Amino acid sequence: MLFHRIVIESPADELLKSFGIRLTRVDEGVYVVDSAEFMAKLATAAIDAGAKFVHGITVDDVIFREEPLRVVGVAVEWTATQMASLHTDPLFVSARAVVDATGHDAEVISVASRKIPELNLVVPGERPAYSESAEQLVYDNTGMVAPGLYAAGMSVTEVKNLPRMGPIFGGMVLSGYKVAQEIIKDLRKS
């Protein structure tokens, strides 16, 4: 949906407050936030922490290594180039951790599943909507799906055959936070 307001529930409200996002309480544990403020403040915090955003790209493939088997990056193309059916070589981007937060199609994990059978990844697809349970299930199942490859947000429903969520963003916010914390912990080990 493209509404100017989005719904957040507890406990995600506390995380958003830490980024200075203003919330309006509408019921016990239920808040609405301005979607533009939500995006802008989260993006600013990510940039301030060192993240880089590249607009208009599509992940076309994953980069992997053997011994040990792991995902070590992605191959990207300009989305407009793909839409125009122009054949160009992709750009390779190496990464110590790749997060699939592409949404309902789990595009990155689907590519890895199809092209690297040794990962034993199965992408069964998501189940029909059941927001009340999906919010917690997405959070609980967020994390590493293969060495170097993580699932967050709606990609988790696709990979774990979970019910899809409705237009409530708390579970996705907490999923993103959880995967970030897991990656930090994993990278410190390596």
N, C-alpha and C. Protein backbone atom coordinates (compact mmCIF):
# COMPACT_ATOMS: atom_id res chain seq x y z
N MET A 1 0.85 -1.17 0.00
CA MET A 1 0.00 0.00 0.00
C MET A 1 0.90 1.24 0.00
N LEU A 2 0.36 2.30 -0.47
CA LEU A 2 1.15 3.53 -0.56
C LEU A 2 0.60 4.63 0.35
N PHE A 3 0.06 4.21 1.50
CA PHE A 3 -0.49 5.19 2.43
C PHE A 3 0.62 6.08 3.01
N HIS A 4 0.22 7.27 3.42
CA HIS A 4 1.17 8.19 4.03
C HIS A 4 1.38 7.91 5.51
N ARG A 5 0.59 7.01 6.07
CA ARG A 5 0.72 6.61 7.47
C ARG A 5 0.86 5.10 7.51
N ILE A 6 1.68 4.59 8.43
CA ILE A 6 1.81 3.15 8.59
C ILE A 6 1.59 2.78 10.05
N VAL A 7 1.19 1.54 10.25
CA VAL A 7 0.87 1.04 11.59
C VAL A 7 2.07 0.29 12.15
N ILE A 8 2.37 0.57 13.40
CA ILE A 8 3.46 -0.09 14.14
C ILE A 8 2.86 -0.56 15.46
N GLU A 9 3.24 -1.74 15.90
CA GLU A 9 2.79 -2.20 17.21
C GLU A 9 3.98 -2.38 18.14
N SER A 10 3.67 -2.49 19.41
CA SER A 10 4.71 -2.76 20.41
C SER A 10 5.25 -4.16 20.17
N PRO A 11 6.50 -4.41 20.41
CA PRO A 11 7.50 -3.53 21.02
C PRO A 11 8.31 -2.72 20.02
N ALA A 12 7.95 -2.73 18.74
CA ALA A 12 8.72 -2.00 17.73
C ALA A 12 8.70 -0.50 17.97
N ASP A 13 7.71 -0.01 18.69
CA ASP A 13 7.64 1.43 18.95
C ASP A 13 8.88 1.94 19.67
N GLU A 14 9.41 1.14 20.59
CA GLU A 14 10.59 1.57 21.34
C GLU A 14 11.80 1.72 20.43
N LEU A 15 11.95 0.81 19.49
CA LEU A 15 13.06 0.90 18.54
C LEU A 15 12.92 2.16 17.69
N LEU A 16 11.72 2.42 17.20
CA LEU A 16 11.52 3.61 16.36
C LEU A 16 11.75 4.90 17.14
N LYS A 17 11.35 4.91 18.40
CA LYS A 17 11.61 6.10 19.23
C LYS A 17 13.10 6.37 19.35
N SER A 18 13.90 5.30 19.37
CA SER A 18 15.36 5.48 19.49
C SER A 18 15.94 6.17 18.25
N PHE A 19 15.21 6.16 17.14
CA PHE A 19 15.64 6.85 15.92
C PHE A 19 14.99 8.23 15.80
N GLY A 20 14.24 8.62 16.82
CA GLY A 20 13.59 9.93 16.80
C GLY A 20 12.34 9.99 15.95
N ILE A 21 11.76 8.85 15.65
CA ILE A 21 10.53 8.81 14.84
C ILE A 21 9.34 9.06 15.76
N ARG A 22 8.50 10.00 15.36
CA ARG A 22 7.33 10.36 16.16
C ARG A 22 6.20 9.36 15.91
N LEU A 23 5.62 8.86 16.99
CA LEU A 23 4.53 7.90 16.91
C LEU A 23 3.27 8.50 17.54
N THR A 24 2.13 8.19 16.96
CA THR A 24 0.85 8.59 17.53
C THR A 24 0.14 7.33 18.00
N ARG A 25 -0.17 7.28 19.29
CA ARG A 25 -0.84 6.11 19.85
C ARG A 25 -2.30 6.13 19.42
N VAL A 26 -2.79 5.00 18.88
CA VAL A 26 -4.19 4.89 18.48
C VAL A 26 -4.95 3.86 19.31
N ASP A 27 -4.22 2.99 19.99
CA ASP A 27 -4.82 1.98 20.84
C ASP A 27 -3.70 1.41 21.72
N GLU A 28 -4.03 0.56 22.63
CA GLU A 28 -3.03 -0.06 23.50
C GLU A 28 -2.02 -0.83 22.65
N GLY A 29 -0.76 -0.36 22.62
CA GLY A 29 0.29 -1.04 21.89
C GLY A 29 0.24 -0.87 20.38
N VAL A 30 -0.60 0.03 19.88
CA VAL A 30 -0.74 0.25 18.43
C VAL A 30 -0.51 1.73 18.14
N TYR A 31 0.35 2.00 17.16
CA TYR A 31 0.74 3.36 16.82
C TYR A 31 0.69 3.56 15.31
N VAL A 32 0.59 4.82 14.90
CA VAL A 32 0.77 5.16 13.49
C VAL A 32 1.94 6.13 13.40
N VAL A 33 2.66 6.04 12.28
CA VAL A 33 3.77 6.95 12.02
C VAL A 33 3.66 7.46 10.59
N ASP A 34 4.22 8.61 10.36
CA ASP A 34 4.28 9.17 9.01
C ASP A 34 5.26 8.32 8.20
N SER A 35 4.82 7.80 7.07
CA SER A 35 5.67 6.88 6.30
C SER A 35 6.92 7.57 5.76
N ALA A 36 6.82 8.84 5.37
CA ALA A 36 8.00 9.54 4.86
C ALA A 36 9.02 9.76 5.98
N GLU A 37 8.55 10.13 7.16
CA GLU A 37 9.46 10.30 8.30
C GLU A 37 10.12 8.97 8.66
N PHE A 38 9.33 7.91 8.65
CA PHE A 38 9.82 6.56 8.94
C PHE A 38 10.97 6.19 8.00
N MET A 39 10.73 6.35 6.69
CA MET A 39 11.76 6.00 5.71
C MET A 39 12.98 6.91 5.83
N ALA A 40 12.75 8.20 5.95
CA ALA A 40 13.86 9.16 5.97
C ALA A 40 14.75 8.98 7.20
N LYS A 41 14.15 8.81 8.35
CA LYS A 41 14.97 8.70 9.57
C LYS A 41 15.68 7.36 9.65
N LEU A 42 15.04 6.29 9.21
CA LEU A 42 15.74 5.00 9.19
C LEU A 42 16.87 5.02 8.17
N ALA A 43 16.62 5.61 6.99
CA ALA A 43 17.67 5.69 5.97
C ALA A 43 18.83 6.56 6.45
N THR A 44 18.53 7.68 7.08
CA THR A 44 19.58 8.55 7.59
C THR A 44 20.43 7.83 8.63
N ALA A 45 19.78 7.11 9.53
CA ALA A 45 20.52 6.37 10.55
C ALA A 45 21.40 5.30 9.91
N ALA A 46 20.90 4.64 8.89
CA ALA A 46 21.69 3.61 8.20
C ALA A 46 22.90 4.24 7.51
N ILE A 47 22.69 5.36 6.84
CA ILE A 47 23.79 6.06 6.17
C ILE A 47 24.82 6.54 7.19
N ASP A 48 24.34 7.09 8.28
CA ASP A 48 25.25 7.56 9.33
C ASP A 48 26.07 6.41 9.91
N ALA A 49 25.51 5.20 9.87
CA ALA A 49 26.23 4.01 10.38
C ALA A 49 27.15 3.40 9.33
N GLY A 50 27.13 3.95 8.10
CA GLY A 50 28.04 3.46 7.06
C GLY A 50 27.39 2.71 5.91
N ALA A 51 26.07 2.57 5.92
CA ALA A 51 25.40 1.86 4.82
C ALA A 51 25.46 2.68 3.54
N LYS A 52 25.46 1.99 2.42
CA LYS A 52 25.42 2.62 1.11
C LYS A 52 24.13 2.18 0.42
N PHE A 53 23.44 3.12 -0.20
CA PHE A 53 22.23 2.81 -0.96
C PHE A 53 22.53 2.99 -2.44
N VAL A 54 22.14 2.04 -3.24
CA VAL A 54 22.30 2.14 -4.69
C VAL A 54 20.90 1.97 -5.28
N HIS A 55 20.41 3.02 -5.92
CA HIS A 55 19.06 3.00 -6.46
C HIS A 55 19.02 2.35 -7.84
N GLY A 56 17.89 1.76 -8.16
CA GLY A 56 17.65 1.29 -9.51
C GLY A 56 18.42 0.06 -9.93
N ILE A 57 18.72 -0.82 -8.97
CA ILE A 57 19.42 -2.05 -9.34
C ILE A 57 18.56 -3.27 -9.02
N THR A 58 18.87 -4.34 -9.69
CA THR A 58 18.23 -5.63 -9.46
C THR A 58 19.33 -6.64 -9.17
N VAL A 59 19.13 -7.44 -8.13
CA VAL A 59 20.08 -8.53 -7.86
C VAL A 59 19.78 -9.63 -8.86
N ASP A 60 20.75 -9.92 -9.70
CA ASP A 60 20.59 -10.88 -10.78
C ASP A 60 21.13 -12.26 -10.41
N ASP A 61 22.09 -12.29 -9.50
CA ASP A 61 22.75 -13.56 -9.17
C ASP A 61 23.45 -13.39 -7.82
N VAL A 62 23.90 -14.50 -7.27
CA VAL A 62 24.72 -14.46 -6.06
C VAL A 62 26.12 -14.92 -6.42
N ILE A 63 27.08 -14.51 -5.61
CA ILE A 63 28.46 -14.95 -5.76
C ILE A 63 28.73 -15.92 -4.62
N PHE A 64 29.32 -17.06 -4.93
CA PHE A 64 29.57 -18.04 -3.88
C PHE A 64 30.99 -18.56 -3.95
N ARG A 65 31.40 -19.18 -2.88
CA ARG A 65 32.70 -19.84 -2.79
C ARG A 65 32.50 -21.21 -2.19
N GLU A 66 33.43 -22.10 -2.53
CA GLU A 66 33.42 -23.45 -1.97
C GLU A 66 34.51 -23.57 -0.93
N GLU A 67 34.39 -24.56 -0.08
CA GLU A 67 35.41 -24.90 0.93
C GLU A 67 35.86 -23.71 1.76
N PRO A 68 35.05 -23.17 2.61
CA PRO A 68 33.71 -23.64 2.90
C PRO A 68 32.68 -22.99 1.97
N LEU A 69 31.63 -23.73 1.71
CA LEU A 69 30.55 -23.25 0.86
C LEU A 69 29.85 -22.08 1.54
N ARG A 70 29.77 -20.94 0.83
CA ARG A 70 29.10 -19.77 1.40
C ARG A 70 28.81 -18.74 0.31
N VAL A 71 27.84 -17.90 0.58
CA VAL A 71 27.52 -16.77 -0.30
C VAL A 71 28.43 -15.61 0.11
N VAL A 72 29.08 -14.99 -0.89
CA VAL A 72 30.05 -13.93 -0.60
C VAL A 72 29.75 -12.63 -1.35
N GLY A 73 28.55 -12.52 -1.92
CA GLY A 73 28.20 -11.29 -2.61
C GLY A 73 27.06 -11.48 -3.57
N VAL A 74 26.81 -10.44 -4.36
CA VAL A 74 25.73 -10.46 -5.34
C VAL A 74 26.20 -9.87 -6.66
N ALA A 75 25.53 -10.28 -7.72
CA ALA A 75 25.73 -9.68 -9.03
C ALA A 75 24.50 -8.81 -9.31
N VAL A 76 24.72 -7.55 -9.64
CA VAL A 76 23.60 -6.63 -9.84
C VAL A 76 23.63 -6.06 -11.26
N GLU A 77 22.44 -5.69 -11.70
CA GLU A 77 22.29 -5.00 -12.98
C GLU A 77 21.37 -3.82 -12.77
N TRP A 78 21.47 -2.83 -13.63
CA TRP A 78 20.55 -1.71 -13.58
C TRP A 78 19.17 -2.23 -13.97
N THR A 79 18.18 -1.92 -13.17
CA THR A 79 16.82 -2.39 -13.43
C THR A 79 16.33 -1.92 -14.79
N ALA A 80 16.62 -0.69 -15.16
CA ALA A 80 16.18 -0.16 -16.45
C ALA A 80 16.78 -0.96 -17.61
N THR A 81 18.01 -1.42 -17.44
CA THR A 81 18.66 -2.23 -18.47
C THR A 81 17.92 -3.55 -18.64
N GLN A 82 17.55 -4.17 -17.53
CA GLN A 82 16.78 -5.42 -17.61
C GLN A 82 15.41 -5.19 -18.21
N MET A 83 14.75 -4.10 -17.81
CA MET A 83 13.41 -3.81 -18.34
C MET A 83 13.44 -3.57 -19.84
N ALA A 84 14.54 -3.02 -20.33
CA ALA A 84 14.68 -2.76 -21.76
C ALA A 84 15.17 -3.99 -22.52
N SER A 85 15.38 -5.09 -21.81
CA SER A 85 15.88 -6.34 -22.39
C SER A 85 17.22 -6.17 -23.08
N LEU A 86 18.05 -5.29 -22.52
CA LEU A 86 19.40 -5.13 -23.03
C LEU A 86 20.30 -6.12 -22.31
N HIS A 87 21.19 -6.72 -23.03
CA HIS A 87 22.07 -7.72 -22.44
C HIS A 87 23.40 -7.08 -22.10
N THR A 88 23.64 -6.95 -20.81
CA THR A 88 24.89 -6.37 -20.33
C THR A 88 25.44 -7.27 -19.23
N ASP A 89 26.72 -7.14 -18.98
CA ASP A 89 27.32 -7.89 -17.89
C ASP A 89 26.96 -7.22 -16.57
N PRO A 90 26.75 -8.01 -15.53
CA PRO A 90 26.42 -7.43 -14.23
C PRO A 90 27.66 -6.89 -13.53
N LEU A 91 27.42 -6.12 -12.50
CA LEU A 91 28.48 -5.67 -11.60
C LEU A 91 28.51 -6.62 -10.42
N PHE A 92 29.69 -7.00 -9.98
CA PHE A 92 29.81 -7.90 -8.83
C PHE A 92 30.10 -7.06 -7.59
N VAL A 93 29.37 -7.35 -6.53
CA VAL A 93 29.54 -6.66 -5.26
C VAL A 93 29.82 -7.72 -4.20
N SER A 94 31.02 -7.68 -3.63
CA SER A 94 31.34 -8.67 -2.60
C SER A 94 30.80 -8.20 -1.26
N ALA A 95 30.48 -9.16 -0.41
CA ALA A 95 29.93 -8.84 0.91
C ALA A 95 30.23 -9.97 1.88
N ARG A 96 30.48 -9.61 3.11
CA ARG A 96 30.68 -10.63 4.14
C ARG A 96 29.36 -11.22 4.59
N ALA A 97 28.27 -10.48 4.35
CA ALA A 97 26.92 -10.97 4.67
C ALA A 97 25.96 -10.39 3.64
N VAL A 98 25.07 -11.22 3.13
CA VAL A 98 24.04 -10.80 2.18
C VAL A 98 22.69 -11.01 2.85
N VAL A 99 21.87 -9.96 2.87
CA VAL A 99 20.54 -10.04 3.47
C VAL A 99 19.50 -9.98 2.37
N ASP A 100 18.62 -10.97 2.33
CA ASP A 100 17.48 -10.92 1.42
C ASP A 100 16.32 -10.31 2.19
N ALA A 101 16.02 -9.07 1.89
CA ALA A 101 14.85 -8.38 2.43
C ALA A 101 14.03 -7.89 1.24
N THR A 102 14.01 -8.70 0.17
CA THR A 102 13.35 -8.32 -1.08
C THR A 102 11.84 -8.47 -1.02
N GLY A 103 11.32 -9.05 0.03
CA GLY A 103 9.87 -9.15 0.16
C GLY A 103 9.34 -10.51 -0.20
N HIS A 104 8.11 -10.51 -0.65
CA HIS A 104 7.34 -11.74 -0.83
C HIS A 104 8.01 -12.77 -1.74
N ASP A 105 8.83 -12.36 -2.67
CA ASP A 105 9.44 -13.32 -3.60
C ASP A 105 10.77 -13.87 -3.12
N ALA A 106 11.34 -13.30 -2.09
CA ALA A 106 12.66 -13.73 -1.59
C ALA A 106 13.60 -13.95 -2.78
N GLU A 107 13.76 -12.92 -3.58
CA GLU A 107 14.46 -13.04 -4.86
C GLU A 107 15.90 -13.53 -4.74
N VAL A 108 16.63 -13.04 -3.77
CA VAL A 108 18.04 -13.42 -3.65
C VAL A 108 18.16 -14.88 -3.20
N ILE A 109 17.39 -15.26 -2.20
CA ILE A 109 17.43 -16.64 -1.72
C ILE A 109 16.92 -17.60 -2.78
N SER A 110 15.93 -17.19 -3.56
CA SER A 110 15.43 -18.04 -4.64
C SER A 110 16.51 -18.32 -5.68
N VAL A 111 17.30 -17.29 -6.01
CA VAL A 111 18.41 -17.49 -6.94
C VAL A 111 19.43 -18.45 -6.35
N ALA A 112 19.79 -18.24 -5.09
CA ALA A 112 20.77 -19.12 -4.44
C ALA A 112 20.26 -20.56 -4.38
N SER A 113 18.99 -20.72 -4.10
CA SER A 113 18.38 -22.05 -4.03
C SER A 113 18.45 -22.77 -5.37
N ARG A 114 18.17 -22.03 -6.43
CA ARG A 114 18.15 -22.61 -7.77
C ARG A 114 19.55 -22.89 -8.31
N LYS A 115 20.50 -22.00 -8.02
CA LYS A 115 21.81 -22.11 -8.64
C LYS A 115 22.87 -22.82 -7.81
N ILE A 116 22.62 -22.96 -6.50
CA ILE A 116 23.60 -23.62 -5.63
C ILE A 116 22.89 -24.72 -4.86
N PRO A 117 22.61 -25.85 -5.51
CA PRO A 117 21.85 -26.91 -4.83
C PRO A 117 22.54 -27.44 -3.58
N GLU A 118 23.86 -27.31 -3.51
CA GLU A 118 24.60 -27.79 -2.33
C GLU A 118 24.20 -27.05 -1.05
N LEU A 119 23.59 -25.88 -1.18
CA LEU A 119 23.14 -25.14 0.00
C LEU A 119 21.91 -25.79 0.64
N ASN A 120 21.27 -26.69 -0.10
CA ASN A 120 20.05 -27.36 0.39
C ASN A 120 18.98 -26.37 0.84
N LEU A 121 18.85 -25.29 0.10
CA LEU A 121 17.82 -24.29 0.38
C LEU A 121 16.56 -24.65 -0.39
N VAL A 122 15.45 -24.64 0.29
CA VAL A 122 14.16 -24.85 -0.35
C VAL A 122 13.34 -23.59 -0.10
N VAL A 123 12.68 -23.11 -1.13
CA VAL A 123 11.84 -21.92 -1.00
C VAL A 123 10.41 -22.34 -1.31
N PRO A 124 9.67 -22.78 -0.28
CA PRO A 124 8.33 -23.33 -0.52
C PRO A 124 7.26 -22.30 -0.80
N GLY A 125 7.53 -21.04 -0.52
CA GLY A 125 6.52 -20.00 -0.71
C GLY A 125 5.78 -19.69 0.57
N GLU A 126 5.15 -18.52 0.57
CA GLU A 126 4.44 -18.12 1.77
C GLU A 126 3.02 -18.68 1.79
N ARG A 127 2.45 -18.70 2.97
CA ARG A 127 1.09 -19.16 3.16
C ARG A 127 0.16 -17.94 3.13
N PRO A 128 -1.15 -18.16 3.11
CA PRO A 128 -2.09 -17.04 3.11
C PRO A 128 -1.96 -16.16 4.36
N ALA A 129 -2.58 -15.02 4.30
CA ALA A 129 -2.47 -14.02 5.36
C ALA A 129 -3.03 -14.49 6.70
N TYR A 130 -2.27 -14.22 7.74
CA TYR A 130 -2.68 -14.45 9.13
C TYR A 130 -1.79 -13.55 9.98
N SER A 131 -2.09 -12.27 9.95
CA SER A 131 -1.22 -11.25 10.55
C SER A 131 -0.93 -11.49 12.02
N GLU A 132 -1.94 -11.90 12.76
CA GLU A 132 -1.77 -12.03 14.21
C GLU A 132 -0.63 -12.97 14.56
N SER A 133 -0.48 -14.06 13.83
CA SER A 133 0.62 -14.99 14.14
C SER A 133 1.87 -14.66 13.33
N ALA A 134 1.70 -14.12 12.14
CA ALA A 134 2.84 -13.88 11.25
C ALA A 134 3.82 -12.86 11.81
N GLU A 135 3.34 -11.85 12.51
CA GLU A 135 4.23 -10.83 13.06
C GLU A 135 5.32 -11.48 13.93
N GLN A 136 4.93 -12.35 14.83
CA GLN A 136 5.89 -13.01 15.71
C GLN A 136 6.69 -14.07 14.97
N LEU A 137 6.03 -14.82 14.07
CA LEU A 137 6.72 -15.88 13.34
C LEU A 137 7.83 -15.33 12.46
N VAL A 138 7.60 -14.19 11.82
CA VAL A 138 8.64 -13.58 10.99
C VAL A 138 9.84 -13.22 11.86
N TYR A 139 9.59 -12.62 12.99
CA TYR A 139 10.69 -12.27 13.90
C TYR A 139 11.43 -13.52 14.35
N ASP A 140 10.70 -14.53 14.79
CA ASP A 140 11.31 -15.75 15.32
C ASP A 140 12.17 -16.47 14.28
N ASN A 141 11.78 -16.41 13.00
CA ASN A 141 12.47 -17.16 11.95
C ASN A 141 13.47 -16.32 11.15
N THR A 142 13.65 -15.07 11.53
CA THR A 142 14.63 -14.20 10.88
C THR A 142 16.04 -14.70 11.18
N GLY A 143 16.91 -14.66 10.17
CA GLY A 143 18.30 -15.01 10.43
C GLY A 143 18.96 -15.70 9.27
N MET A 144 20.07 -16.37 9.57
CA MET A 144 20.87 -17.04 8.55
C MET A 144 20.12 -18.23 7.97
N VAL A 145 20.08 -18.30 6.63
CA VAL A 145 19.48 -19.46 5.95
C VAL A 145 20.54 -20.33 5.30
N ALA A 146 21.72 -19.77 5.09
CA ALA A 146 22.88 -20.48 4.54
C ALA A 146 24.09 -19.63 4.91
N PRO A 147 25.27 -20.23 4.96
CA PRO A 147 26.44 -19.43 5.31
C PRO A 147 26.57 -18.18 4.42
N GLY A 148 26.60 -17.02 5.06
CA GLY A 148 26.72 -15.76 4.34
C GLY A 148 25.42 -15.18 3.83
N LEU A 149 24.30 -15.90 4.00
CA LEU A 149 23.01 -15.47 3.44
C LEU A 149 21.94 -15.47 4.53
N TYR A 150 21.26 -14.33 4.66
CA TYR A 150 20.28 -14.13 5.73
C TYR A 150 18.93 -13.72 5.13
N ALA A 151 17.86 -14.03 5.87
CA ALA A 151 16.51 -13.63 5.47
C ALA A 151 15.93 -12.70 6.52
N ALA A 152 15.28 -11.63 6.05
CA ALA A 152 14.60 -10.69 6.94
C ALA A 152 13.30 -10.23 6.29
N GLY A 153 12.38 -9.76 7.12
CA GLY A 153 11.12 -9.23 6.62
C GLY A 153 10.28 -10.28 5.92
N MET A 154 9.60 -9.86 4.88
CA MET A 154 8.67 -10.76 4.19
C MET A 154 9.38 -11.90 3.47
N SER A 155 10.66 -11.77 3.20
CA SER A 155 11.41 -12.89 2.60
C SER A 155 11.36 -14.11 3.51
N VAL A 156 11.27 -13.88 4.81
CA VAL A 156 11.21 -14.98 5.77
C VAL A 156 9.96 -15.82 5.54
N THR A 157 8.84 -15.17 5.23
CA THR A 157 7.60 -15.94 5.02
C THR A 157 7.73 -16.85 3.81
N GLU A 158 8.39 -16.38 2.78
CA GLU A 158 8.58 -17.16 1.55
C GLU A 158 9.48 -18.36 1.78
N VAL A 159 10.54 -18.16 2.54
CA VAL A 159 11.54 -19.20 2.77
C VAL A 159 11.06 -20.23 3.80
N LYS A 160 10.31 -19.77 4.78
CA LYS A 160 9.90 -20.65 5.89
C LYS A 160 8.45 -21.12 5.79
N ASN A 161 7.77 -20.80 4.67
CA ASN A 161 6.38 -21.22 4.47
C ASN A 161 5.49 -20.72 5.61
N LEU A 162 5.64 -19.44 5.93
CA LEU A 162 4.86 -18.82 6.99
C LEU A 162 3.71 -18.01 6.40
N PRO A 163 2.69 -17.73 7.21
CA PRO A 163 1.62 -16.86 6.71
C PRO A 163 2.15 -15.45 6.46
N ARG A 164 1.60 -14.81 5.47
CA ARG A 164 1.99 -13.43 5.19
C ARG A 164 1.37 -12.50 6.21
N MET A 165 1.97 -11.34 6.35
CA MET A 165 1.46 -10.34 7.29
C MET A 165 0.59 -9.36 6.54
N GLY A 166 -0.12 -8.57 7.31
CA GLY A 166 -0.92 -7.49 6.74
C GLY A 166 -0.12 -6.21 6.73
N PRO A 167 -0.81 -5.08 6.62
CA PRO A 167 -0.12 -3.79 6.52
C PRO A 167 0.32 -3.24 7.88
N ILE A 168 1.00 -4.08 8.64
CA ILE A 168 1.55 -3.66 9.93
C ILE A 168 3.05 -3.87 9.84
N PHE A 169 3.82 -2.89 10.27
CA PHE A 169 5.25 -2.91 10.00
C PHE A 169 6.13 -3.26 11.19
N GLY A 170 5.55 -3.49 12.34
CA GLY A 170 6.36 -3.79 13.53
C GLY A 170 7.20 -5.03 13.37
N GLY A 171 6.60 -6.10 12.86
CA GLY A 171 7.35 -7.35 12.68
C GLY A 171 8.51 -7.19 11.72
N MET A 172 8.30 -6.42 10.66
CA MET A 172 9.39 -6.21 9.69
C MET A 172 10.51 -5.36 10.28
N VAL A 173 10.14 -4.34 11.05
CA VAL A 173 11.15 -3.49 11.69
C VAL A 173 11.99 -4.33 12.65
N LEU A 174 11.32 -5.12 13.48
CA LEU A 174 12.04 -5.95 14.45
C LEU A 174 12.86 -7.03 13.75
N SER A 175 12.36 -7.55 12.64
CA SER A 175 13.10 -8.54 11.86
C SER A 175 14.40 -7.94 11.34
N GLY A 176 14.32 -6.72 10.81
CA GLY A 176 15.53 -6.05 10.32
C GLY A 176 16.53 -5.80 11.42
N TYR A 177 16.05 -5.39 12.57
CA TYR A 177 16.94 -5.16 13.71
C TYR A 177 17.58 -6.47 14.15
N LYS A 178 16.78 -7.53 14.21
CA LYS A 178 17.30 -8.82 14.65
C LYS A 178 18.38 -9.34 13.70
N VAL A 179 18.14 -9.25 12.39
CA VAL A 179 19.13 -9.76 11.45
C VAL A 179 20.41 -8.94 11.52
N ALA A 180 20.29 -7.64 11.73
CA ALA A 180 21.48 -6.80 11.87
C ALA A 180 22.31 -7.22 13.08
N GLN A 181 21.64 -7.47 14.19
CA GLN A 181 22.35 -7.90 15.40
C GLN A 181 23.01 -9.26 15.20
N GLU A 182 22.32 -10.17 14.52
CA GLU A 182 22.88 -11.50 14.26
C GLU A 182 24.12 -11.41 13.36
N ILE A 183 24.05 -10.57 12.34
CA ILE A 183 25.19 -10.40 11.44
C ILE A 183 26.38 -9.80 12.18
N ILE A 184 26.13 -8.80 13.00
CA ILE A 184 27.22 -8.21 13.79
C ILE A 184 27.90 -9.29 14.62
N LYS A 185 27.10 -10.10 15.28
CA LYS A 185 27.65 -11.18 16.12
C LYS A 185 28.44 -12.18 15.27
N ASP A 186 27.88 -12.58 14.13
CA ASP A 186 28.56 -13.55 13.26
C ASP A 186 29.86 -13.00 12.69
N LEU A 187 29.86 -11.72 12.30
CA LEU A 187 31.07 -11.13 11.72
C LEU A 187 32.17 -10.97 12.77
N ARG A 188 31.79 -10.75 13.99
CA ARG A 188 32.80 -10.64 15.05
C ARG A 188 33.48 -11.97 15.31
N LYS A 189 32.77 -13.07 15.05
CA LYS A 189 33.34 -14.41 15.23
C LYS A 189 34.36 -14.73 14.15
N SER A 190 34.14 -14.17 12.96
CA SER A 190 35.01 -14.54 11.82
C SER A 190 36.22 -13.66 11.68
